[in-house]
Amino acid sequence: MHGLGRRYFVQALALAHHAVDRMLGASTLSAMCHQANYLGEHREALHLARAAQQGLKGHTPELLEAQFAAMEARAAAAPLRRPKRYRPPPAFRSPCLTSVVVQLVLKNHA
């Protein structure tokens, strides 16, 4: 399903290029970046976010500028995030304390 979505994004990007609609092209790149982040393709997402920023350089509305910066930051930070399964350090592995720590961590990262 994501492959089909990606093909539609590429087609939308080509149509935006032919229509000389930079705003639509940058918005499409942003959506592609969102999809790449979702799929775990963070390096690709980083390139897409930067391409969106470059496409509108100097003519970017503040809202889109913030969106592109947020997508770039998310892609750049993705490799730094903890894995989904949190394992507390050995000092916190008592059964009672571990469940409390895990609940706190999950609550803060949800």
C-alpha atoms as a PDB file:
ATOM      1  CA  MET A   1       0.000   0.000   0.000  1.00  0.00           C
ATOM      2  CA  HIS A   2       2.833   2.383   0.806  1.00  0.00           C
ATOM      3  CA  GLY A   3       4.440   1.656  -2.561  1.00  0.00           C
ATOM      4  CA  LEU A   4       1.273   2.803  -4.305  1.00  0.00           C
ATOM      5  CA  GLY A   5       1.162   5.925  -2.144  1.00  0.00           C
ATOM      6  CA  ARG A   6       4.784   6.656  -2.982  1.00  0.00           C
ATOM      7  CA  ARG A   7       4.026   6.372  -6.710  1.00  0.00           C
ATOM      8  CA  TYR A   8       1.167   8.843  -6.352  1.00  0.00           C
ATOM      9  CA  PHE A   9       3.455  11.235  -4.470  1.00  0.00           C
ATOM     10  CA  VAL A  10       6.050  11.031  -7.251  1.00  0.00           C
ATOM     11  CA  GLN A  11       3.333  11.673  -9.822  1.00  0.00           C
ATOM     12  CA  ALA A  12       2.073  14.667  -7.804  1.00  0.00           C
ATOM     13  CA  LEU A  13       5.626  15.981  -7.629  1.00  0.00           C
ATOM     14  CA  ALA A  14       6.024  15.692 -11.404  1.00  0.00           C
ATOM     15  CA  LEU A  15       2.703  17.465 -11.989  1.00  0.00           C
ATOM     16  CA  ALA A  16       3.683  20.254  -9.584  1.00  0.00           C
ATOM     17  CA  HIS A  17       6.934  20.634 -11.509  1.00  0.00           C
ATOM     18  CA  HIS A  18       5.121  20.846 -14.862  1.00  0.00           C
ATOM     19  CA  ALA A  19       2.681  23.393 -13.417  1.00  0.00           C
ATOM     20  CA  VAL A  20       5.614  25.361 -11.951  1.00  0.00           C
ATOM     21  CA  ASP A  21       3.857  25.234  -8.572  1.00  0.00           C
ATOM     22  CA  ARG A  22       6.707  25.282  -6.051  1.00  0.00           C
ATOM     23  CA  MET A  23       4.347  25.403  -3.063  1.00  0.00           C
ATOM     24  CA  LEU A  24       2.581  22.215  -4.150  1.00  0.00           C
ATOM     25  CA  GLY A  25       5.922  20.554  -4.872  1.00  0.00           C
ATOM     26  CA  ALA A  26       7.282  21.427  -1.426  1.00  0.00           C
ATOM     27  CA  SER A  27       4.079  20.304   0.240  1.00  0.00           C
ATOM     28  CA  THR A  28       4.271  16.988  -1.635  1.00  0.00           C
ATOM     29  CA  LEU A  29       7.892  16.550  -0.546  1.00  0.00           C
ATOM     30  CA  SER A  30       6.779  17.173   3.020  1.00  0.00           C
ATOM     31  CA  ALA A  31       4.125  14.468   2.744  1.00  0.00           C
ATOM     32  CA  MET A  32       6.730  12.103   1.288  1.00  0.00           C
ATOM     33  CA  CYS A  33       8.981  12.949   4.231  1.00  0.00           C
ATOM     34  CA  HIS A  34       6.157  12.099   6.618  1.00  0.00           C
ATOM     35  CA  GLN A  35       5.701   8.729   4.943  1.00  0.00           C
ATOM     36  CA  ALA A  36       9.433   7.970   4.972  1.00  0.00           C
ATOM     37  CA  ASN A  37       9.619   8.772   8.701  1.00  0.00           C
ATOM     38  CA  TYR A  38       6.626   6.519   9.347  1.00  0.00           C
ATOM     39  CA  LEU A  39       8.277   3.678   7.439  1.00  0.00           C
ATOM     40  CA  GLY A  40      11.550   4.109   9.326  1.00  0.00           C
ATOM     41  CA  GLU A  41      13.449   5.442   6.314  1.00  0.00           C
ATOM     42  CA  HIS A  42      14.891   8.347   8.274  1.00  0.00           C
ATOM     43  CA  ARG A  43      17.803   9.193   5.988  1.00  0.00           C
ATOM     44  CA  GLU A  44      15.391   9.460   3.054  1.00  0.00           C
ATOM     45  CA  ALA A  45      13.045  11.570   5.186  1.00  0.00           C
ATOM     46  CA  LEU A  46      15.898  13.917   6.041  1.00  0.00           C
ATOM     47  CA  HIS A  47      16.731  14.405   2.355  1.00  0.00           C
ATOM     48  CA  LEU A  48      13.067  15.006   1.478  1.00  0.00           C
ATOM     49  CA  ALA A  49      12.626  17.603   4.243  1.00  0.00           C
ATOM     50  CA  ARG A  50      15.738  19.446   3.113  1.00  0.00           C
ATOM     51  CA  ALA A  51      14.611  19.319  -0.522  1.00  0.00           C
ATOM     52  CA  ALA A  52      11.258  20.837   0.471  1.00  0.00           C
ATOM     53  CA  GLN A  53      13.078  23.644   2.273  1.00  0.00           C
ATOM     54  CA  GLN A  54      15.357  24.264  -0.703  1.00  0.00           C
ATOM     55  CA  GLY A  55      12.449  24.292  -3.151  1.00  0.00           C
ATOM     56  CA  LEU A  56      10.868  27.304  -1.468  1.00  0.00           C
ATOM     57  CA  LYS A  57      13.994  29.010  -0.180  1.00  0.00           C
ATOM     58  CA  GLY A  58      13.243  32.675   0.384  1.00  0.00           C
ATOM     59  CA  HIS A  59       9.524  32.316  -0.412  1.00  0.00           C
ATOM     60  CA  THR A  60       8.377  29.987   2.354  1.00  0.00           C
ATOM     61  CA  PRO A  61       5.362  30.941   4.474  1.00  0.00           C
ATOM     62  CA  GLU A  62       6.141  30.681   8.188  1.00  0.00           C
ATOM     63  CA  LEU A  63       3.753  27.774   8.709  1.00  0.00           C
ATOM     64  CA  LEU A  64       5.416  25.653   6.023  1.00  0.00           C
ATOM     65  CA  GLU A  65       8.861  26.690   7.220  1.00  0.00           C
ATOM     66  CA  ALA A  66       7.989  25.399  10.694  1.00  0.00           C
ATOM     67  CA  GLN A  67       6.538  22.194   9.252  1.00  0.00           C
ATOM     68  CA  PHE A  68       9.647  21.502   7.177  1.00  0.00           C
ATOM     69  CA  ALA A  69      11.921  22.205  10.137  1.00  0.00           C
ATOM     70  CA  ALA A  70       9.883  19.875  12.348  1.00  0.00           C
ATOM     71  CA  MET A  71      10.010  17.078   9.772  1.00  0.00           C
ATOM     72  CA  GLU A  72      13.761  17.535   9.366  1.00  0.00           C
ATOM     73  CA  ALA A  73      14.261  17.475  13.136  1.00  0.00           C
ATOM     74  CA  ARG A  74      12.150  14.336  13.492  1.00  0.00           C
ATOM     75  CA  ALA A  75      14.129  12.547  10.796  1.00  0.00           C
ATOM     76  CA  ALA A  76      17.461  13.655  12.255  1.00  0.00           C
ATOM     77  CA  ALA A  77      16.508  12.619  15.789  1.00  0.00           C
ATOM     78  CA  ALA A  78      15.046   9.230  14.866  1.00  0.00           C
ATOM     79  CA  PRO A  79      18.318   7.278  15.188  1.00  0.00           C
ATOM     80  CA  LEU A  80      18.790   8.767  18.670  1.00  0.00           C
ATOM     81  CA  ARG A  81      15.459   7.560  20.044  1.00  0.00           C
ATOM     82  CA  ARG A  82      15.273   4.601  22.372  1.00  0.00           C
ATOM     83  CA  PRO A  83      14.054   1.334  20.928  1.00  0.00           C
ATOM     84  CA  LYS A  84      10.362   0.627  21.462  1.00  0.00           C
ATOM     85  CA  ARG A  85      11.132  -2.000  24.091  1.00  0.00           C
ATOM     86  CA  TYR A  86      12.554  -0.201  27.081  1.00  0.00           C
ATOM     87  CA  ARG A  87      14.756  -2.253  29.379  1.00  0.00           C
ATOM     88  CA  PRO A  88      15.616  -0.542  32.673  1.00  0.00           C
ATOM     89  CA  PRO A  89      19.233  -0.529  33.887  1.00  0.00           C
ATOM     90  CA  PRO A  90      20.213  -3.354  36.303  1.00  0.00           C
ATOM     91  CA  ALA A  91      19.790  -1.149  39.376  1.00  0.00           C
ATOM     92  CA  PHE A  92      16.070  -0.787  38.607  1.00  0.00           C
ATOM     93  CA  ARG A  93      15.217  -4.415  37.924  1.00  0.00           C
ATOM     94  CA  SER A  94      13.343  -5.306  41.085  1.00  0.00           C
ATOM     95  CA  PRO A  95       9.876  -6.523  39.996  1.00  0.00           C
ATOM     96  CA  CYS A  96       7.945  -3.829  41.821  1.00  0.00           C
ATOM     97  CA  LEU A  97      10.184  -0.890  40.942  1.00  0.00           C
ATOM     98  CA  THR A  98      10.652  -2.042  37.351  1.00  0.00           C
ATOM     99  CA  SER A  99       6.944  -1.869  36.610  1.00  0.00           C
ATOM    100  CA  VAL A 100       6.751   1.643  38.062  1.00  0.00           C
ATOM    101  CA  VAL A 101       9.776   2.836  36.048  1.00  0.00           C
ATOM    102  CA  VAL A 102       8.486   1.265  32.830  1.00  0.00           C
ATOM    103  CA  GLN A 103       5.067   2.848  33.333  1.00  0.00           C
ATOM    104  CA  LEU A 104       6.673   6.259  33.856  1.00  0.00           C
ATOM    105  CA  VAL A 105       8.849   5.892  30.783  1.00  0.00           C
ATOM    106  CA  LEU A 106       5.967   4.726  28.619  1.00  0.00           C
ATOM    107  CA  LYS A 107       3.772   7.551  29.887  1.00  0.00           C
ATOM    108  CA  ASN A 108       6.449  10.144  29.058  1.00  0.00           C
ATOM    109  CA  HIS A 109       7.146   8.733  25.573  1.00  0.00           C
ATOM    110  CA  ALA A 110       3.560   8.106  24.489  1.00  0.00           C
END
